């Protein structure tokens, strides 16, 4: 008889097993993504406060505060004694970044409120797909992208400065498209970089 492809048992546990990644590195990745999820929640809370309650608005102080927290975090060495302190710095940084997004979100809401959930879902889907691609791929297979991505980022910076004087809509749109591709590439590159650093003994999941 004909075989029904829908009668097969699918092992979903095997779907999330990465045999080429050590158990300690997999635990490290769990901490990385859990910390990332906390930061996403705090950034959303900051954006909500900025847009809805109007208690805080984007300004020089919140921007400088976020930069100061990032420099403080980078200057504080990773250890068991500083773990909670550094996590607090990162969460506070994410909260301030959410507040700084408030004005941009207000513009999106004034144009079309559906932009925000569509953008969030689209970003989440892209991030998940490219992260899984990096996790399933052969180790170090995407690390070669580093030089290309940073070069593309530099070219984008130069073109943005030039376009500030030109005001070209075409150049602005091109920057957006190239920026999307570069960001996707950085998800691949950074995910594998995190794995290789963890395999080398760097377990600083906060940074």
C-alpha atoms as a PDB file:
ATOM      1  CA  UNK A   1       0.000   0.000   0.000  1.00  0.00           C
ATOM      2  CA  UNK A   2       0.961   3.627  -0.254  1.00  0.00           C
ATOM      3  CA  UNK A   3       2.735   5.121   2.733  1.00  0.00           C
ATOM      4  CA  UNK A   4       0.981   8.019   4.418  1.00  0.00           C
ATOM      5  CA  UNK A   5       3.547  10.685   5.237  1.00  0.00           C
ATOM      6  CA  UNK A   6       1.249  12.042   7.939  1.00  0.00           C
ATOM      7  CA  UNK A   7       1.373   8.766   9.921  1.00  0.00           C
ATOM      8  CA  UNK A   8       4.964   9.274  11.000  1.00  0.00           C
ATOM      9  CA  UNK A   9       5.946  10.025  14.595  1.00  0.00           C
ATOM     10  CA  UNK A  10       8.009  13.176  14.900  1.00  0.00           C
ATOM     11  CA  UNK A  11      10.527  13.384  17.730  1.00  0.00           C
ATOM     12  CA  UNK A  12      10.374  17.023  18.727  1.00  0.00           C
ATOM     13  CA  UNK A  13      12.994  16.477  21.463  1.00  0.00           C
ATOM     14  CA  UNK A  14      15.550  15.588  18.808  1.00  0.00           C
ATOM     15  CA  UNK A  15      14.743  18.816  16.996  1.00  0.00           C
ATOM     16  CA  UNK A  16      16.399  20.857  19.736  1.00  0.00           C
ATOM     17  CA  UNK A  17      19.406  18.615  20.354  1.00  0.00           C
ATOM     18  CA  UNK A  18      22.701  19.974  19.078  1.00  0.00           C
ATOM     19  CA  UNK A  19      25.187  17.109  19.267  1.00  0.00           C
ATOM     20  CA  UNK A  20      28.058  19.239  17.948  1.00  0.00           C
ATOM     21  CA  UNK A  21      27.696  21.671  20.878  1.00  0.00           C
ATOM     22  CA  UNK A  22      28.902  20.591  24.321  1.00  0.00           C
ATOM     23  CA  UNK A  23      26.449  20.336  27.223  1.00  0.00           C
ATOM     24  CA  UNK A  24      28.109  23.209  29.117  1.00  0.00           C
ATOM     25  CA  UNK A  25      27.845  25.474  26.083  1.00  0.00           C
ATOM     26  CA  UNK A  26      24.180  24.557  25.654  1.00  0.00           C
ATOM     27  CA  UNK A  27      23.591  25.593  29.279  1.00  0.00           C
ATOM     28  CA  UNK A  28      25.446  28.814  28.551  1.00  0.00           C
ATOM     29  CA  UNK A  29      23.192  29.472  25.543  1.00  0.00           C
ATOM     30  CA  UNK A  30      20.119  28.975  27.723  1.00  0.00           C
ATOM     31  CA  UNK A  31      21.410  31.679  30.083  1.00  0.00           C
ATOM     32  CA  UNK A  32      22.158  33.963  27.127  1.00  0.00           C
ATOM     33  CA  UNK A  33      18.653  33.667  25.672  1.00  0.00           C
ATOM     34  CA  UNK A  34      16.967  33.877  29.090  1.00  0.00           C
ATOM     35  CA  UNK A  35      18.851  37.116  29.793  1.00  0.00           C
ATOM     36  CA  UNK A  36      17.920  38.374  26.334  1.00  0.00           C
ATOM     37  CA  UNK A  37      14.231  37.649  27.035  1.00  0.00           C
ATOM     38  CA  UNK A  38      14.404  39.576  30.327  1.00  0.00           C
ATOM     39  CA  UNK A  39      15.958  42.538  28.517  1.00  0.00           C
ATOM     40  CA  UNK A  40      13.230  42.423  25.866  1.00  0.00           C
ATOM     41  CA  UNK A  41      10.585  42.528  28.610  1.00  0.00           C
ATOM     42  CA  UNK A  42      12.288  45.484  30.346  1.00  0.00           C
ATOM     43  CA  UNK A  43      12.668  47.374  27.060  1.00  0.00           C
ATOM     44  CA  UNK A  44       8.954  46.820  26.366  1.00  0.00           C
ATOM     45  CA  UNK A  45       8.140  48.089  29.859  1.00  0.00           C
ATOM     46  CA  UNK A  46      10.253  51.203  29.281  1.00  0.00           C
ATOM     47  CA  UNK A  47       8.587  51.839  25.919  1.00  0.00           C
ATOM     48  CA  UNK A  48       5.133  51.377  27.479  1.00  0.00           C
ATOM     49  CA  UNK A  49       5.904  53.877  30.237  1.00  0.00           C
ATOM     50  CA  UNK A  50       7.213  56.383  27.709  1.00  0.00           C
ATOM     51  CA  UNK A  51       4.248  56.077  25.310  1.00  0.00           C
ATOM     52  CA  UNK A  52       1.310  55.551  27.677  1.00  0.00           C
ATOM     53  CA  UNK A  53       2.119  57.217  30.988  1.00  0.00           C
ATOM     54  CA  UNK A  54       4.365  60.017  29.660  1.00  0.00           C
ATOM     55  CA  UNK A  55       6.357  59.821  32.910  1.00  0.00           C
ATOM     56  CA  UNK A  56       9.648  59.700  31.031  1.00  0.00           C
ATOM     57  CA  UNK A  57      10.458  61.059  27.621  1.00  0.00           C
ATOM     58  CA  UNK A  58      13.478  60.672  25.378  1.00  0.00           C
ATOM     59  CA  UNK A  59      16.126  63.138  26.342  1.00  0.00           C
ATOM     60  CA  UNK A  60      19.801  63.696  26.860  1.00  0.00           C
ATOM     61  CA  UNK A  61      19.742  62.208  30.364  1.00  0.00           C
ATOM     62  CA  UNK A  62      18.196  58.857  29.369  1.00  0.00           C
ATOM     63  CA  UNK A  63      20.545  58.576  26.387  1.00  0.00           C
ATOM     64  CA  UNK A  64      23.626  59.382  28.457  1.00  0.00           C
ATOM     65  CA  UNK A  65      22.378  57.073  31.205  1.00  0.00           C
ATOM     66  CA  UNK A  66      22.143  54.147  28.777  1.00  0.00           C
ATOM     67  CA  UNK A  67      25.665  54.834  27.448  1.00  0.00           C
ATOM     68  CA  UNK A  68      27.063  55.131  30.975  1.00  0.00           C
ATOM     69  CA  UNK A  69      25.505  51.805  31.988  1.00  0.00           C
ATOM     70  CA  UNK A  70      26.977  50.088  28.931  1.00  0.00           C
ATOM     71  CA  UNK A  71      30.476  51.450  29.657  1.00  0.00           C
ATOM     72  CA  UNK A  72      30.113  50.511  33.336  1.00  0.00           C
ATOM     73  CA  UNK A  73      29.060  46.988  32.351  1.00  0.00           C
ATOM     74  CA  UNK A  74      31.994  46.571  29.974  1.00  0.00           C
ATOM     75  CA  UNK A  75      34.433  47.815  32.648  1.00  0.00           C
ATOM     76  CA  UNK A  76      33.139  45.426  35.340  1.00  0.00           C
ATOM     77  CA  UNK A  77      34.780  41.976  35.155  1.00  0.00           C
ATOM     78  CA  UNK A  78      32.588  38.887  35.083  1.00  0.00           C
ATOM     79  CA  UNK A  79      32.608  36.866  38.307  1.00  0.00           C
ATOM     80  CA  UNK A  80      30.196  35.289  40.767  1.00  0.00           C
ATOM     81  CA  UNK A  81      30.509  38.348  43.021  1.00  0.00           C
ATOM     82  CA  UNK A  82      29.616  40.823  40.256  1.00  0.00           C
ATOM     83  CA  UNK A  83      27.031  38.663  38.449  1.00  0.00           C
ATOM     84  CA  UNK A  84      23.909  40.230  39.991  1.00  0.00           C
ATOM     85  CA  UNK A  85      25.383  43.731  39.774  1.00  0.00           C
ATOM     86  CA  UNK A  86      26.169  43.336  36.073  1.00  0.00           C
ATOM     87  CA  UNK A  87      22.758  41.820  35.386  1.00  0.00           C
ATOM     88  CA  UNK A  88      21.179  44.870  37.043  1.00  0.00           C
ATOM     89  CA  UNK A  89      23.230  47.155  34.791  1.00  0.00           C
ATOM     90  CA  UNK A  90      22.089  45.284  31.683  1.00  0.00           C
ATOM     91  CA  UNK A  91      18.415  45.295  32.704  1.00  0.00           C
ATOM     92  CA  UNK A  92      18.584  49.032  33.485  1.00  0.00           C
ATOM     93  CA  UNK A  93      20.231  49.656  30.108  1.00  0.00           C
ATOM     94  CA  UNK A  94      17.418  47.771  28.351  1.00  0.00           C
ATOM     95  CA  UNK A  95      14.801  49.765  30.274  1.00  0.00           C
ATOM     96  CA  UNK A  96      16.361  53.096  29.242  1.00  0.00           C
ATOM     97  CA  UNK A  97      16.634  51.946  25.629  1.00  0.00           C
ATOM     98  CA  UNK A  98      12.913  51.159  25.726  1.00  0.00           C
ATOM     99  CA  UNK A  99      12.203  54.669  27.003  1.00  0.00           C
ATOM    100  CA  UNK A 100      14.348  56.117  24.204  1.00  0.00           C
ATOM    101  CA  UNK A 101      12.210  54.244  21.652  1.00  0.00           C
ATOM    102  CA  UNK A 102       9.052  56.004  22.895  1.00  0.00           C
ATOM    103  CA  UNK A 103       9.001  58.903  20.381  1.00  0.00           C
ATOM    104  CA  UNK A 104       9.579  56.551  17.429  1.00  0.00           C
ATOM    105  CA  UNK A 105       6.761  54.274  18.622  1.00  0.00           C
ATOM    106  CA  UNK A 106       4.440  57.285  18.919  1.00  0.00           C
ATOM    107  CA  UNK A 107       5.110  58.143  15.279  1.00  0.00           C
ATOM    108  CA  UNK A 108       4.341  54.541  14.270  1.00  0.00           C
ATOM    109  CA  UNK A 109       1.094  54.593  16.272  1.00  0.00           C
ATOM    110  CA  UNK A 110       0.036  57.868  14.650  1.00  0.00           C
ATOM    111  CA  UNK A 111       0.569  56.348  11.178  1.00  0.00           C
ATOM    112  CA  UNK A 112      -0.800  52.845  11.775  1.00  0.00           C
ATOM    113  CA  UNK A 113      -0.885  51.085  15.185  1.00  0.00           C
ATOM    114  CA  UNK A 114      -0.566  47.661  13.525  1.00  0.00           C
ATOM    115  CA  UNK A 115       3.015  48.510  12.500  1.00  0.00           C
ATOM    116  CA  UNK A 116       4.306  47.704  15.993  1.00  0.00           C
ATOM    117  CA  UNK A 117       2.950  44.131  16.433  1.00  0.00           C
ATOM    118  CA  UNK A 118       3.745  43.271  12.788  1.00  0.00           C
ATOM    119  CA  UNK A 119       7.298  44.551  13.232  1.00  0.00           C
ATOM    120  CA  UNK A 120       7.699  42.646  16.499  1.00  0.00           C
ATOM    121  CA  UNK A 121       6.416  39.351  15.082  1.00  0.00           C
ATOM    122  CA  UNK A 122       8.474  39.740  11.909  1.00  0.00           C
ATOM    123  CA  UNK A 123      11.630  40.515  13.877  1.00  0.00           C
ATOM    124  CA  UNK A 124      11.019  37.586  16.247  1.00  0.00           C
ATOM    125  CA  UNK A 125      10.516  35.191  13.314  1.00  0.00           C
ATOM    126  CA  UNK A 126      13.664  36.389  11.519  1.00  0.00           C
ATOM    127  CA  UNK A 127      15.726  36.203  14.702  1.00  0.00           C
ATOM    128  CA  UNK A 128      14.486  32.697  15.529  1.00  0.00           C
ATOM    129  CA  UNK A 129      15.111  31.366  12.009  1.00  0.00           C
ATOM    130  CA  UNK A 130      18.618  32.777  11.681  1.00  0.00           C
ATOM    131  CA  UNK A 131      19.559  31.774  15.239  1.00  0.00           C
ATOM    132  CA  UNK A 132      18.464  28.185  14.606  1.00  0.00           C
ATOM    133  CA  UNK A 133      20.332  28.206  11.290  1.00  0.00           C
ATOM    134  CA  UNK A 134      23.515  29.200  13.108  1.00  0.00           C
ATOM    135  CA  UNK A 135      22.947  26.573  15.815  1.00  0.00           C
ATOM    136  CA  UNK A 136      22.316  23.722  13.374  1.00  0.00           C
ATOM    137  CA  UNK A 137      25.098  24.705  10.967  1.00  0.00           C
ATOM    138  CA  UNK A 138      28.606  23.324  11.186  1.00  0.00           C
ATOM    139  CA  UNK A 139      30.650  25.097  13.862  1.00  0.00           C
ATOM    140  CA  UNK A 140      32.563  28.208  12.746  1.00  0.00           C
ATOM    141  CA  UNK A 141      30.932  28.041   9.310  1.00  0.00           C
ATOM    142  CA  UNK A 142      29.608  31.629   9.570  1.00  0.00           C
ATOM    143  CA  UNK A 143      32.499  33.279  11.406  1.00  0.00           C
ATOM    144  CA  UNK A 144      34.014  34.346   8.078  1.00  0.00           C
ATOM    145  CA  UNK A 145      31.131  36.831   7.747  1.00  0.00           C
ATOM    146  CA  UNK A 146      32.596  39.104  10.431  1.00  0.00           C
ATOM    147  CA  UNK A 147      34.798  41.191   8.143  1.00  0.00           C
ATOM    148  CA  UNK A 148      32.120  41.524   5.462  1.00  0.00           C
ATOM    149  CA  UNK A 149      29.463  42.560   7.977  1.00  0.00           C
ATOM    150  CA  UNK A 150      31.583  45.199   9.682  1.00  0.00           C
ATOM    151  CA  UNK A 151      32.641  46.571   6.293  1.00  0.00           C
ATOM    152  CA  UNK A 152      28.986  46.778   5.235  1.00  0.00           C
ATOM    153  CA  UNK A 153      28.120  48.500   8.512  1.00  0.00           C
ATOM    154  CA  UNK A 154      30.842  51.078   7.913  1.00  0.00           C
ATOM    155  CA  UNK A 155      29.600  51.745   4.363  1.00  0.00           C
ATOM    156  CA  UNK A 156      26.066  52.181   5.719  1.00  0.00           C
ATOM    157  CA  UNK A 157      27.334  54.740   8.231  1.00  0.00           C
ATOM    158  CA  UNK A 158      29.103  56.715   5.510  1.00  0.00           C
ATOM    159  CA  UNK A 159      26.086  56.626   3.189  1.00  0.00           C
ATOM    160  CA  UNK A 160      23.795  57.752   6.032  1.00  0.00           C
ATOM    161  CA  UNK A 161      26.028  60.766   6.673  1.00  0.00           C
ATOM    162  CA  UNK A 162      26.056  61.608   2.962  1.00  0.00           C
ATOM    163  CA  UNK A 163      22.296  61.171   2.715  1.00  0.00           C
ATOM    164  CA  UNK A 164      21.801  63.576   5.627  1.00  0.00           C
ATOM    165  CA  UNK A 165      22.861  66.300   3.174  1.00  0.00           C
ATOM    166  CA  UNK A 166      21.398  64.790  -0.018  1.00  0.00           C
ATOM    167  CA  UNK A 167      17.995  63.776   1.327  1.00  0.00           C
ATOM    168  CA  UNK A 168      17.646  60.958  -1.220  1.00  0.00           C
ATOM    169  CA  UNK A 169      14.653  58.663  -0.675  1.00  0.00           C
ATOM    170  CA  UNK A 170      16.230  55.954  -2.858  1.00  0.00           C
ATOM    171  CA  UNK A 171      19.446  55.938  -0.822  1.00  0.00           C
ATOM    172  CA  UNK A 172      17.421  55.826   2.400  1.00  0.00           C
ATOM    173  CA  UNK A 173      15.434  52.810   1.140  1.00  0.00           C
ATOM    174  CA  UNK A 174      18.613  51.083  -0.027  1.00  0.00           C
ATOM    175  CA  UNK A 175      20.132  51.618   3.412  1.00  0.00           C
ATOM    176  CA  UNK A 176      17.091  50.001   5.012  1.00  0.00           C
ATOM    177  CA  UNK A 177      17.293  46.923   2.776  1.00  0.00           C
ATOM    178  CA  UNK A 178      21.048  46.534   3.174  1.00  0.00           C
ATOM    179  CA  UNK A 179      20.677  47.106   6.917  1.00  0.00           C
ATOM    180  CA  UNK A 180      18.176  44.252   7.150  1.00  0.00           C
ATOM    181  CA  UNK A 181      20.550  41.870   5.360  1.00  0.00           C
ATOM    182  CA  UNK A 182      23.499  42.953   7.518  1.00  0.00           C
ATOM    183  CA  UNK A 183      21.459  42.502  10.709  1.00  0.00           C
ATOM    184  CA  UNK A 184      20.450  38.980   9.656  1.00  0.00           C
ATOM    185  CA  UNK A 185      24.103  38.234   8.956  1.00  0.00           C
ATOM    186  CA  UNK A 186      25.076  39.474  12.405  1.00  0.00           C
ATOM    187  CA  UNK A 187      22.570  37.060  13.996  1.00  0.00           C
ATOM    188  CA  UNK A 188      24.387  34.187  12.257  1.00  0.00           C
ATOM    189  CA  UNK A 189      27.838  35.545  13.084  1.00  0.00           C
ATOM    190  CA  UNK A 190      27.159  36.502  16.712  1.00  0.00           C
ATOM    191  CA  UNK A 191      25.401  33.224  17.527  1.00  0.00           C
ATOM    192  CA  UNK A 192      28.361  31.177  16.366  1.00  0.00           C
ATOM    193  CA  UNK A 193      30.782  33.614  18.018  1.00  0.00           C
ATOM    194  CA  UNK A 194      28.974  33.097  21.348  1.00  0.00           C
ATOM    195  CA  UNK A 195      29.321  29.326  20.898  1.00  0.00           C
ATOM    196  CA  UNK A 196      33.045  29.478  20.099  1.00  0.00           C
ATOM    197  CA  UNK A 197      33.778  31.839  22.996  1.00  0.00           C
ATOM    198  CA  UNK A 198      31.867  29.541  25.360  1.00  0.00           C
ATOM    199  CA  UNK A 199      33.744  26.489  24.062  1.00  0.00           C
ATOM    200  CA  UNK A 200      36.965  28.397  24.807  1.00  0.00           C
ATOM    201  CA  UNK A 201      35.855  28.984  28.417  1.00  0.00           C
ATOM    202  CA  UNK A 202      34.222  32.419  28.202  1.00  0.00           C
ATOM    203  CA  UNK A 203      30.937  31.974  30.097  1.00  0.00           C
ATOM    204  CA  UNK A 204      30.049  35.663  30.405  1.00  0.00           C
ATOM    205  CA  UNK A 205      26.416  35.265  29.345  1.00  0.00           C
ATOM    206  CA  UNK A 206      25.540  38.815  30.415  1.00  0.00           C
ATOM    207  CA  UNK A 207      27.914  40.571  28.010  1.00  0.00           C
END
